Amino acid sequence: MSSSEHHAHPTEKFYWIIFALLAVITALEVAWSYIGLEGPSLVIPLVVMMVVKFLLVGGAFMHLYHDGKALGGKTFTWVFAAGLVLAMVVFLIVFAAFEFNI
């Protein structure tokens, strides 16, 4: 295996950046939950923040950011994200079916 075939390994700085991002997003989630909003204005931003954290954890700590050669080395991250999106769409369809008696 030549040196050009090795994939990049994350540095300690990379993990500290991910830690900081996760801490900030978690603080935003907690703050958002205390604002006093209800319904979609409470839930939708929390779901978006949850998805971002999910992709950060999956990409960084499961080493998905640094594996794969297609799509700039983020092939597995995009596949992982597609699975999450598919699961959320199925959940929303089932939820809508019960809510609107489809």
C-alpha atoms as a PDB file:
ATOM      1  CA  MET A   1       0.000   0.000   0.000  1.00  0.00           C
ATOM      2  CA  SER A   2       1.526   3.294  -1.031  1.00  0.00           C
ATOM      3  CA  SER A   3       1.377   6.424   1.103  1.00  0.00           C
ATOM      4  CA  SER A   4      -1.256   7.928  -1.221  1.00  0.00           C
ATOM      5  CA  GLU A   5      -3.608   5.021  -0.473  1.00  0.00           C
ATOM      6  CA  HIS A   6      -3.665   5.647   3.287  1.00  0.00           C
ATOM      7  CA  HIS A   7      -6.648   7.551   4.546  1.00  0.00           C
ATOM      8  CA  ALA A   8      -6.219  10.480   6.882  1.00  0.00           C
ATOM      9  CA  HIS A   9      -6.422   9.788  10.584  1.00  0.00           C
ATOM     10  CA  PRO A  10      -8.184  12.233  12.875  1.00  0.00           C
ATOM     11  CA  THR A  11      -6.043  14.380  15.100  1.00  0.00           C
ATOM     12  CA  GLU A  12      -6.572  15.243  18.744  1.00  0.00           C
ATOM     13  CA  LYS A  13      -7.571  18.741  17.622  1.00  0.00           C
ATOM     14  CA  PHE A  14     -10.330  17.202  15.470  1.00  0.00           C
ATOM     15  CA  TYR A  15     -11.807  15.423  18.508  1.00  0.00           C
ATOM     16  CA  TRP A  16     -11.670  18.612  20.607  1.00  0.00           C
ATOM     17  CA  ILE A  17     -13.533  20.485  17.872  1.00  0.00           C
ATOM     18  CA  ILE A  18     -16.200  17.769  17.763  1.00  0.00           C
ATOM     19  CA  PHE A  19     -16.423  17.888  21.578  1.00  0.00           C
ATOM     20  CA  ALA A  20     -16.914  21.664  21.514  1.00  0.00           C
ATOM     21  CA  LEU A  21     -19.560  21.455  18.795  1.00  0.00           C
ATOM     22  CA  LEU A  22     -21.455  18.749  20.681  1.00  0.00           C
ATOM     23  CA  ALA A  23     -21.276  20.760  23.917  1.00  0.00           C
ATOM     24  CA  VAL A  24     -22.572  23.914  22.223  1.00  0.00           C
ATOM     25  CA  ILE A  25     -25.411  22.073  20.465  1.00  0.00           C
ATOM     26  CA  THR A  26     -26.377  20.310  23.703  1.00  0.00           C
ATOM     27  CA  ALA A  27     -26.442  23.661  25.540  1.00  0.00           C
ATOM     28  CA  LEU A  28     -28.647  25.068  22.764  1.00  0.00           C
ATOM     29  CA  GLU A  29     -30.995  22.094  23.052  1.00  0.00           C
ATOM     30  CA  VAL A  30     -31.353  22.544  26.814  1.00  0.00           C
ATOM     31  CA  ALA A  31     -31.850  26.309  26.466  1.00  0.00           C
ATOM     32  CA  TRP A  32     -34.401  25.789  23.672  1.00  0.00           C
ATOM     33  CA  SER A  33     -36.423  23.415  25.839  1.00  0.00           C
ATOM     34  CA  TYR A  34     -36.743  26.114  28.555  1.00  0.00           C
ATOM     35  CA  ILE A  35     -37.909  28.908  26.220  1.00  0.00           C
ATOM     36  CA  GLY A  36     -41.537  27.876  26.689  1.00  0.00           C
ATOM     37  CA  LEU A  37     -42.424  27.046  23.122  1.00  0.00           C
ATOM     38  CA  GLU A  38     -44.880  24.290  22.277  1.00  0.00           C
ATOM     39  CA  GLY A  39     -45.690  22.077  19.321  1.00  0.00           C
ATOM     40  CA  PRO A  40     -43.668  22.218  16.099  1.00  0.00           C
ATOM     41  CA  SER A  41     -41.810  25.391  17.107  1.00  0.00           C
ATOM     42  CA  LEU A  42     -40.328  23.410  20.016  1.00  0.00           C
ATOM     43  CA  VAL A  43     -39.880  20.023  18.382  1.00  0.00           C
ATOM     44  CA  ILE A  44     -38.575  20.818  14.882  1.00  0.00           C
ATOM     45  CA  PRO A  45     -35.453  22.758  16.004  1.00  0.00           C
ATOM     46  CA  LEU A  46     -34.734  20.065  18.607  1.00  0.00           C
ATOM     47  CA  VAL A  47     -34.979  17.340  15.945  1.00  0.00           C
ATOM     48  CA  VAL A  48     -32.663  19.296  13.637  1.00  0.00           C
ATOM     49  CA  MET A  49     -30.110  19.691  16.445  1.00  0.00           C
ATOM     50  CA  MET A  50     -30.442  15.987  17.265  1.00  0.00           C
ATOM     51  CA  VAL A  51     -29.752  15.014  13.649  1.00  0.00           C
ATOM     52  CA  VAL A  52     -26.674  17.263  13.514  1.00  0.00           C
ATOM     53  CA  LYS A  53     -25.332  15.700  16.722  1.00  0.00           C
ATOM     54  CA  PHE A  54     -26.113  12.212  15.398  1.00  0.00           C
ATOM     55  CA  LEU A  55     -24.105  12.881  12.235  1.00  0.00           C
ATOM     56  CA  LEU A  56     -21.225  14.433  14.197  1.00  0.00           C
ATOM     57  CA  VAL A  57     -20.989  11.449  16.534  1.00  0.00           C
ATOM     58  CA  GLY A  58     -21.421   8.916  13.742  1.00  0.00           C
ATOM     59  CA  GLY A  59     -18.966  10.655  11.460  1.00  0.00           C
ATOM     60  CA  ALA A  60     -16.292  11.412  14.017  1.00  0.00           C
ATOM     61  CA  PHE A  61     -16.379   8.608  16.558  1.00  0.00           C
ATOM     62  CA  MET A  62     -17.321   5.823  14.182  1.00  0.00           C
ATOM     63  CA  HIS A  63     -14.577   7.161  11.866  1.00  0.00           C
ATOM     64  CA  LEU A  64     -17.014   7.555   8.972  1.00  0.00           C
ATOM     65  CA  TYR A  65     -15.512  10.925   8.010  1.00  0.00           C
ATOM     66  CA  HIS A  66     -12.186   9.313   7.252  1.00  0.00           C
ATOM     67  CA  ASP A  67     -13.294   6.137   5.482  1.00  0.00           C
ATOM     68  CA  GLY A  68     -14.229   5.585   1.880  1.00  0.00           C
ATOM     69  CA  LYS A  69     -12.769   7.167  -1.215  1.00  0.00           C
ATOM     70  CA  ALA A  70     -15.887   8.426  -3.014  1.00  0.00           C
ATOM     71  CA  LEU A  71     -17.514  11.777  -2.198  1.00  0.00           C
ATOM     72  CA  GLY A  72     -14.358  13.205  -0.693  1.00  0.00           C
ATOM     73  CA  GLY A  73     -13.944  10.412   1.859  1.00  0.00           C
ATOM     74  CA  LYS A  74     -17.394  10.840   3.333  1.00  0.00           C
ATOM     75  CA  THR A  75     -19.182   7.971   1.575  1.00  0.00           C
ATOM     76  CA  PHE A  76     -20.120   6.132   4.742  1.00  0.00           C
ATOM     77  CA  THR A  77     -21.244   9.331   6.452  1.00  0.00           C
ATOM     78  CA  TRP A  78     -23.676  10.036   3.608  1.00  0.00           C
ATOM     79  CA  VAL A  79     -24.964   6.444   3.677  1.00  0.00           C
ATOM     80  CA  PHE A  80     -25.382   6.700   7.452  1.00  0.00           C
ATOM     81  CA  ALA A  81     -27.260  10.000   7.028  1.00  0.00           C
ATOM     82  CA  ALA A  82     -29.475   8.502   4.320  1.00  0.00           C
ATOM     83  CA  GLY A  83     -30.479   5.716   6.719  1.00  0.00           C
ATOM     84  CA  LEU A  84     -31.396   8.290   9.364  1.00  0.00           C
ATOM     85  CA  VAL A  85     -33.440  10.314   6.883  1.00  0.00           C
ATOM     86  CA  LEU A  86     -35.242   7.183   5.675  1.00  0.00           C
ATOM     87  CA  ALA A  87     -36.085   6.197   9.267  1.00  0.00           C
ATOM     88  CA  MET A  88     -37.428   9.674  10.003  1.00  0.00           C
ATOM     89  CA  VAL A  89     -39.557   9.699   6.845  1.00  0.00           C
ATOM     90  CA  VAL A  90     -41.055   6.310   7.715  1.00  0.00           C
ATOM     91  CA  PHE A  91     -41.759   7.528  11.264  1.00  0.00           C
ATOM     92  CA  LEU A  92     -43.465  10.679   9.970  1.00  0.00           C
ATOM     93  CA  ILE A  93     -45.593   8.674   7.520  1.00  0.00           C
ATOM     94  CA  VAL A  94     -46.734   6.307  10.267  1.00  0.00           C
ATOM     95  CA  PHE A  95     -47.373   9.230  12.619  1.00  0.00           C
ATOM     96  CA  ALA A  96     -49.394  11.037   9.929  1.00  0.00           C
ATOM     97  CA  ALA A  97     -51.395   7.875   9.236  1.00  0.00           C
ATOM     98  CA  PHE A  98     -52.490   7.696  12.879  1.00  0.00           C
ATOM     99  CA  GLU A  99     -53.027  11.457  13.206  1.00  0.00           C
ATOM    100  CA  PHE A 100     -55.116  11.876  10.058  1.00  0.00           C
ATOM    101  CA  ASN A 101     -56.698   8.381   9.992  1.00  0.00           C
ATOM    102  CA  ILE A 102     -55.309   7.561   6.554  1.00  0.00           C
END
